[in-house]
Amino acid sequence: MTPQPFPVSEIVAARRPHRKDAARNYDALLAAAREAFAEHGAEASLEDIARRAGVGIGTLYRNFPTRRDLFESVYADEVNALCQAALEVAGREPWEALTAWLDRFAGYMVTKRAVREALEGESEIFQACRESMYSAGGPLFERAQRAGQARADMDFGDLLRMVAGITATAFTDDAQRDRVLAIALDGVRAAR
C-alpha cells in the first residue's frame, strides 16, 4: 500500500494543537478519554478524564468545548491509528497483514461502541472515518482474496460486520476475545 492521506488524517491534524505543551495535553486527554470510555462507556466523567490526563477541567474544555467534541476527537484519533496500522502491516504476507489489522480493528471497536452511543446520527467525522477505514483496510482484504487466502464470496463490509458483531459481545478477558476472533477468521480463510 502506498501511503496516502486519509480524510480522517486531515481532521485529526486540524484539531491537534501545534504548540508542544498544548499538543501534549491534548494527547493525554485523548488517551485518558479512550481509557475512561472503554471502562465506563459514554457516561464517563469529564472530571475523571481530566484527572487521568493530569490536567485541570479548564484544559479539557479549552481543547474540547463540548462532550461531543471530545467523543468525535477520540473516535477520529482511533480511526486514524487504525488507518496507519493498515499501512504498517501492508508489507506482510496477505493473510498475516489482514489478520494483524483485524486484531487492531477488534480493539478499536471497544472505543467505537462507547462513542457511538454518545453521538446520535451520522456526522461529517463519522463519514470521513468510515471512508478512511474502508480505504485503509479494504485493500488488505482484497489483496488476501487475490492471493487466494481469503474467501471470494464475501466483501470487506461483510468482514467488518462479522468482527464488529464478535467484539460487541462481553468476554471474560482479551485472550478469550482473541480466541473467538481467530475461530471466526478461520471461516474467512479460503479453502486450501
C-alpha atoms as a PDB file:
ATOM      1  CA  MET A   1       0.000   0.000   0.000  1.00  0.00           C
ATOM      2  CA  THR A   2       1.241   3.427  -0.870  1.00  0.00           C
ATOM      3  CA  PRO A   3       0.971   5.961   1.957  1.00  0.00           C
ATOM      4  CA  GLN A   4      -1.946   8.217   1.189  1.00  0.00           C
ATOM      5  CA  PRO A   5      -3.761  10.906   3.042  1.00  0.00           C
ATOM      6  CA  PHE A   6      -6.944   9.579   4.571  1.00  0.00           C
ATOM      7  CA  PRO A   7      -9.782  12.059   5.167  1.00  0.00           C
ATOM      8  CA  VAL A   8      -9.642  11.309   8.880  1.00  0.00           C
ATOM      9  CA  SER A   9      -5.909  12.131   8.985  1.00  0.00           C
ATOM     10  CA  GLU A  10      -6.685  15.662   7.866  1.00  0.00           C
ATOM     11  CA  ILE A  11      -9.367  16.011  10.565  1.00  0.00           C
ATOM     12  CA  VAL A  12      -7.013  14.773  13.282  1.00  0.00           C
ATOM     13  CA  ALA A  13      -4.220  17.090  12.142  1.00  0.00           C
ATOM     14  CA  ALA A  14      -6.557  20.098  12.004  1.00  0.00           C
ATOM     15  CA  ARG A  15      -7.831  19.514  15.562  1.00  0.00           C
ATOM     16  CA  ARG A  16      -4.471  18.858  17.217  1.00  0.00           C
ATOM     17  CA  PRO A  17      -2.788  21.964  18.688  1.00  0.00           C
ATOM     18  CA  HIS A  18       0.586  22.978  17.250  1.00  0.00           C
ATOM     19  CA  ARG A  19       2.289  24.169  20.455  1.00  0.00           C
ATOM     20  CA  LYS A  20       4.192  21.276  22.058  1.00  0.00           C
ATOM     21  CA  ASP A  21       2.765  21.703  25.563  1.00  0.00           C
ATOM     22  CA  ALA A  22      -0.793  22.080  24.236  1.00  0.00           C
ATOM     23  CA  ALA A  23      -0.329  19.047  21.954  1.00  0.00           C
ATOM     24  CA  ARG A  24       0.962  17.019  24.923  1.00  0.00           C
ATOM     25  CA  ASN A  25      -2.130  17.926  26.969  1.00  0.00           C
ATOM     26  CA  TYR A  26      -4.404  17.176  24.004  1.00  0.00           C
ATOM     27  CA  ASP A  27      -2.821  13.739  23.505  1.00  0.00           C
ATOM     28  CA  ALA A  28      -3.028  12.986  27.241  1.00  0.00           C
ATOM     29  CA  LEU A  29      -6.724  13.920  27.241  1.00  0.00           C
ATOM     30  CA  LEU A  30      -7.427  11.665  24.250  1.00  0.00           C
ATOM     31  CA  ALA A  31      -5.627   8.740  25.889  1.00  0.00           C
ATOM     32  CA  ALA A  32      -7.445   9.297  29.188  1.00  0.00           C
ATOM     33  CA  ALA A  33     -10.804   9.614  27.430  1.00  0.00           C
ATOM     34  CA  ARG A  34     -10.199   6.445  25.422  1.00  0.00           C
ATOM     35  CA  GLU A  35      -9.419   4.569  28.632  1.00  0.00           C
ATOM     36  CA  ALA A  36     -12.389   6.044  30.512  1.00  0.00           C
ATOM     37  CA  PHE A  37     -14.814   5.315  27.653  1.00  0.00           C
ATOM     38  CA  ALA A  38     -13.589   1.721  27.478  1.00  0.00           C
ATOM     39  CA  GLU A  39     -14.163   1.317  31.231  1.00  0.00           C
ATOM     40  CA  HIS A  40     -17.342   3.359  31.772  1.00  0.00           C
ATOM     41  CA  GLY A  41     -18.901   3.873  28.349  1.00  0.00           C
ATOM     42  CA  ALA A  42     -20.311   7.170  27.145  1.00  0.00           C
ATOM     43  CA  GLU A  43     -21.150   8.253  30.690  1.00  0.00           C
ATOM     44  CA  ALA A  44     -17.507   8.531  31.739  1.00  0.00           C
ATOM     45  CA  SER A  45     -16.931  11.596  33.892  1.00  0.00           C
ATOM     46  CA  LEU A  46     -15.160  14.529  32.240  1.00  0.00           C
ATOM     47  CA  GLU A  47     -13.598  15.390  35.602  1.00  0.00           C
ATOM     48  CA  ASP A  48     -12.191  11.858  35.803  1.00  0.00           C
ATOM     49  CA  ILE A  49     -10.805  12.172  32.270  1.00  0.00           C
ATOM     50  CA  ALA A  50      -9.063  15.449  33.142  1.00  0.00           C
ATOM     51  CA  ARG A  51      -7.659  13.906  36.342  1.00  0.00           C
ATOM     52  CA  ARG A  52      -6.367  10.832  34.463  1.00  0.00           C
ATOM     53  CA  ALA A  53      -4.709  13.139  31.926  1.00  0.00           C
ATOM     54  CA  GLY A  54      -3.068  15.150  34.705  1.00  0.00           C
ATOM     55  CA  VAL A  55      -4.712  18.419  33.659  1.00  0.00           C
ATOM     56  CA  GLY A  56      -7.424  20.658  35.017  1.00  0.00           C
ATOM     57  CA  ILE A  57     -11.008  20.601  33.791  1.00  0.00           C
ATOM     58  CA  GLY A  58     -10.411  24.016  32.180  1.00  0.00           C
ATOM     59  CA  THR A  59      -7.735  22.488  29.937  1.00  0.00           C
ATOM     60  CA  LEU A  60     -10.176  19.773  28.906  1.00  0.00           C
ATOM     61  CA  TYR A  61     -12.808  22.369  27.970  1.00  0.00           C
ATOM     62  CA  ARG A  62     -10.268  24.532  26.111  1.00  0.00           C
ATOM     63  CA  ASN A  63      -9.447  21.551  23.901  1.00  0.00           C
ATOM     64  CA  PHE A  64     -12.947  20.078  23.758  1.00  0.00           C
ATOM     65  CA  PRO A  65     -15.627  22.738  24.387  1.00  0.00           C
ATOM     66  CA  THR A  66     -18.388  20.110  24.350  1.00  0.00           C
ATOM     67  CA  ARG A  67     -18.644  16.457  25.261  1.00  0.00           C
ATOM     68  CA  ARG A  68     -19.440  15.787  21.586  1.00  0.00           C
ATOM     69  CA  ASP A  69     -16.133  17.413  20.555  1.00  0.00           C
ATOM     70  CA  LEU A  70     -14.298  15.015  22.849  1.00  0.00           C
ATOM     71  CA  PHE A  71     -16.205  11.975  21.550  1.00  0.00           C
ATOM     72  CA  GLU A  72     -15.584  12.915  17.933  1.00  0.00           C
ATOM     73  CA  SER A  73     -11.896  13.602  18.540  1.00  0.00           C
ATOM     74  CA  VAL A  74     -11.363  10.274  20.300  1.00  0.00           C
ATOM     75  CA  TYR A  75     -13.207   8.471  17.519  1.00  0.00           C
ATOM     76  CA  ALA A  76     -11.272  10.217  14.741  1.00  0.00           C
ATOM     77  CA  ASP A  77      -7.961   9.573  16.527  1.00  0.00           C
ATOM     78  CA  GLU A  78      -8.787   5.868  16.862  1.00  0.00           C
ATOM     79  CA  VAL A  79      -9.734   5.544  13.193  1.00  0.00           C
ATOM     80  CA  ASN A  80      -6.611   7.444  12.170  1.00  0.00           C
ATOM     81  CA  ALA A  81      -4.471   4.998  14.185  1.00  0.00           C
ATOM     82  CA  LEU A  82      -6.344   2.124  12.538  1.00  0.00           C
ATOM     83  CA  CYS A  83      -5.574   3.569   9.084  1.00  0.00           C
ATOM     84  CA  GLN A  84      -1.904   3.982   9.964  1.00  0.00           C
ATOM     85  CA  ALA A  85      -1.832   0.377  11.219  1.00  0.00           C
ATOM     86  CA  ALA A  86      -3.027  -0.777   7.785  1.00  0.00           C
ATOM     87  CA  LEU A  87      -0.057   0.976   6.202  1.00  0.00           C
ATOM     88  CA  GLU A  88       2.315  -0.560   8.762  1.00  0.00           C
ATOM     89  CA  VAL A  89       1.217  -4.151   8.120  1.00  0.00           C
ATOM     90  CA  ALA A  90       0.785  -3.851   4.339  1.00  0.00           C
ATOM     91  CA  GLY A  91       4.228  -5.300   3.607  1.00  0.00           C
ATOM     92  CA  ARG A  92       3.473  -8.601   5.340  1.00  0.00           C
ATOM     93  CA  GLU A  93       2.095 -11.690   3.634  1.00  0.00           C
ATOM     94  CA  PRO A  94      -1.545 -11.055   2.628  1.00  0.00           C
ATOM     95  CA  TRP A  95      -3.282 -13.192   5.262  1.00  0.00           C
ATOM     96  CA  GLU A  96      -0.929 -12.095   8.041  1.00  0.00           C
ATOM     97  CA  ALA A  97      -1.432  -8.419   7.103  1.00  0.00           C
ATOM     98  CA  LEU A  98      -5.212  -8.800   7.093  1.00  0.00           C
ATOM     99  CA  THR A  99      -5.419 -10.627  10.423  1.00  0.00           C
ATOM    100  CA  ALA A 100      -2.963  -8.218  12.105  1.00  0.00           C
ATOM    101  CA  TRP A 101      -5.132  -5.299  11.001  1.00  0.00           C
ATOM    102  CA  LEU A 102      -8.351  -7.036  12.058  1.00  0.00           C
ATOM    103  CA  ASP A 103      -6.884  -7.641  15.510  1.00  0.00           C
ATOM    104  CA  ARG A 104      -6.298  -3.896  15.763  1.00  0.00           C
ATOM    105  CA  PHE A 105      -9.831  -3.280  14.456  1.00  0.00           C
ATOM    106  CA  ALA A 106     -11.278  -5.527  17.192  1.00  0.00           C
ATOM    107  CA  GLY A 107      -9.512  -3.441  19.855  1.00  0.00           C
ATOM    108  CA  TYR A 108     -10.790  -0.246  18.282  1.00  0.00           C
ATOM    109  CA  MET A 109     -14.393  -1.464  18.463  1.00  0.00           C
ATOM    110  CA  VAL A 110     -14.408  -1.088  22.264  1.00  0.00           C
ATOM    111  CA  THR A 111     -13.936   2.681  21.972  1.00  0.00           C
ATOM    112  CA  LYS A 112     -16.241   2.964  18.996  1.00  0.00           C
ATOM    113  CA  ARG A 113     -19.193   1.470  20.881  1.00  0.00           C
ATOM    114  CA  ALA A 114     -18.898   3.969  23.727  1.00  0.00           C
ATOM    115  CA  VAL A 115     -18.522   6.934  21.395  1.00  0.00           C
ATOM    116  CA  ARG A 116     -21.263   5.802  19.033  1.00  0.00           C
ATOM    117  CA  GLU A 117     -23.702   5.598  21.961  1.00  0.00           C
ATOM    118  CA  ALA A 118     -22.998   9.228  22.750  1.00  0.00           C
ATOM    119  CA  LEU A 119     -23.330  10.607  19.243  1.00  0.00           C
ATOM    120  CA  GLU A 120     -26.689  10.379  17.572  1.00  0.00           C
ATOM    121  CA  GLY A 121     -26.869  10.039  13.822  1.00  0.00           C
ATOM    122  CA  GLU A 122     -24.104  10.313  11.297  1.00  0.00           C
ATOM    123  CA  SER A 123     -21.729  13.253  11.456  1.00  0.00           C
ATOM    124  CA  GLU A 124     -19.199  14.546   8.972  1.00  0.00           C
ATOM    125  CA  ILE A 125     -16.494  12.955  11.105  1.00  0.00           C
ATOM    126  CA  PHE A 126     -18.183   9.544  11.053  1.00  0.00           C
ATOM    127  CA  GLN A 127     -18.438   9.726   7.263  1.00  0.00           C
ATOM    128  CA  ALA A 128     -14.747  10.632   6.926  1.00  0.00           C
ATOM    129  CA  CYS A 129     -13.821   7.880   9.384  1.00  0.00           C
ATOM    130  CA  ARG A 130     -15.831   5.247   7.525  1.00  0.00           C
ATOM    131  CA  GLU A 131     -14.325   6.285   4.198  1.00  0.00           C
ATOM    132  CA  SER A 132     -10.828   6.218   5.699  1.00  0.00           C
ATOM    133  CA  MET A 133     -11.327   2.813   7.301  1.00  0.00           C
ATOM    134  CA  TYR A 134     -12.529   1.269   4.040  1.00  0.00           C
ATOM    135  CA  SER A 135      -9.627   2.900   2.165  1.00  0.00           C
ATOM    136  CA  ALA A 136      -7.147   1.512   4.686  1.00  0.00           C
ATOM    137  CA  GLY A 137      -8.446  -1.996   5.385  1.00  0.00           C
ATOM    138  CA  GLY A 138     -10.226  -2.791   2.128  1.00  0.00           C
ATOM    139  CA  PRO A 139      -7.017  -3.178   0.106  1.00  0.00           C
ATOM    140  CA  LEU A 140      -5.620  -5.602   2.703  1.00  0.00           C
ATOM    141  CA  PHE A 141      -8.710  -7.775   2.328  1.00  0.00           C
ATOM    142  CA  GLU A 142      -8.699  -7.575  -1.477  1.00  0.00           C
ATOM    143  CA  ARG A 143      -5.002  -8.496  -1.542  1.00  0.00           C
ATOM    144  CA  ALA A 144      -5.705 -11.574   0.612  1.00  0.00           C
ATOM    145  CA  GLN A 145      -8.539 -12.502  -1.762  1.00  0.00           C
ATOM    146  CA  ARG A 146      -6.311 -12.106  -4.850  1.00  0.00           C
ATOM    147  CA  ALA A 147      -3.692 -14.314  -3.178  1.00  0.00           C
ATOM    148  CA  GLY A 148      -6.362 -16.994  -2.666  1.00  0.00           C
ATOM    149  CA  GLN A 149      -6.071 -16.702   1.109  1.00  0.00           C
ATOM    150  CA  ALA A 150      -9.456 -15.115   1.881  1.00  0.00           C
ATOM    151  CA  ARG A 151     -12.877 -16.234   0.688  1.00  0.00           C
ATOM    152  CA  ALA A 152     -14.012 -14.704  -2.588  1.00  0.00           C
ATOM    153  CA  ASP A 153     -17.717 -14.889  -1.708  1.00  0.00           C
ATOM    154  CA  MET A 154     -17.654 -12.025   0.787  1.00  0.00           C
ATOM    155  CA  ASP A 155     -16.750  -8.369   0.735  1.00  0.00           C
ATOM    156  CA  PHE A 156     -14.944  -6.095   3.164  1.00  0.00           C
ATOM    157  CA  GLY A 157     -18.216  -4.816   4.617  1.00  0.00           C
ATOM    158  CA  ASP A 158     -19.205  -8.399   5.485  1.00  0.00           C
ATOM    159  CA  LEU A 159     -15.885  -8.894   7.215  1.00  0.00           C
ATOM    160  CA  LEU A 160     -16.149  -5.712   9.282  1.00  0.00           C
ATOM    161  CA  ARG A 161     -19.696  -6.553  10.360  1.00  0.00           C
ATOM    162  CA  MET A 162     -18.583 -10.018  11.459  1.00  0.00           C
ATOM    163  CA  VAL A 163     -15.723  -8.627  13.559  1.00  0.00           C
ATOM    164  CA  ALA A 164     -17.936  -5.854  14.939  1.00  0.00           C
ATOM    165  CA  GLY A 165     -20.530  -8.440  15.953  1.00  0.00           C
ATOM    166  CA  ILE A 166     -17.920 -10.507  17.734  1.00  0.00           C
ATOM    167  CA  THR A 167     -16.498  -7.539  19.601  1.00  0.00           C
ATOM    168  CA  ALA A 168     -19.978  -6.429  20.693  1.00  0.00           C
ATOM    169  CA  THR A 169     -20.075  -9.470  22.965  1.00  0.00           C
ATOM    170  CA  ALA A 170     -18.732  -9.310  26.504  1.00  0.00           C
ATOM    171  CA  PHE A 171     -15.681 -11.502  27.046  1.00  0.00           C
ATOM    172  CA  THR A 172     -14.027 -12.579  30.269  1.00  0.00           C
ATOM    173  CA  ASP A 173     -10.705 -11.165  29.010  1.00  0.00           C
ATOM    174  CA  ASP A 174      -8.800 -10.162  25.871  1.00  0.00           C
ATOM    175  CA  ALA A 175      -7.463 -13.698  25.427  1.00  0.00           C
ATOM    176  CA  GLN A 176     -10.988 -15.066  25.094  1.00  0.00           C
ATOM    177  CA  ARG A 177     -11.886 -12.325  22.590  1.00  0.00           C
ATOM    178  CA  ASP A 178      -8.756 -13.109  20.564  1.00  0.00           C
ATOM    179  CA  ARG A 179      -9.561 -16.834  20.580  1.00  0.00           C
ATOM    180  CA  VAL A 180     -13.135 -16.273  19.355  1.00  0.00           C
ATOM    181  CA  LEU A 181     -11.911 -13.870  16.677  1.00  0.00           C
ATOM    182  CA  ALA A 182      -9.331 -16.438  15.492  1.00  0.00           C
ATOM    183  CA  ILE A 183     -12.061 -19.083  15.221  1.00  0.00           C
ATOM    184  CA  ALA A 184     -14.226 -16.722  13.154  1.00  0.00           C
ATOM    185  CA  LEU A 185     -11.314 -15.774  10.907  1.00  0.00           C
ATOM    186  CA  ASP A 186     -10.748 -19.464  10.170  1.00  0.00           C
ATOM    187  CA  GLY A 187     -14.122 -19.249   8.428  1.00  0.00           C
ATOM    188  CA  VAL A 188     -12.880 -16.307   6.335  1.00  0.00           C
ATOM    189  CA  ARG A 189      -9.786 -18.156   5.157  1.00  0.00           C
ATOM    190  CA  ALA A 190     -10.135 -19.634   1.678  1.00  0.00           C
ATOM    191  CA  ALA A 191     -10.338 -23.413   1.496  1.00  0.00           C
ATOM    192  CA  ARG A 192      -6.983 -24.917   0.589  1.00  0.00           C
END
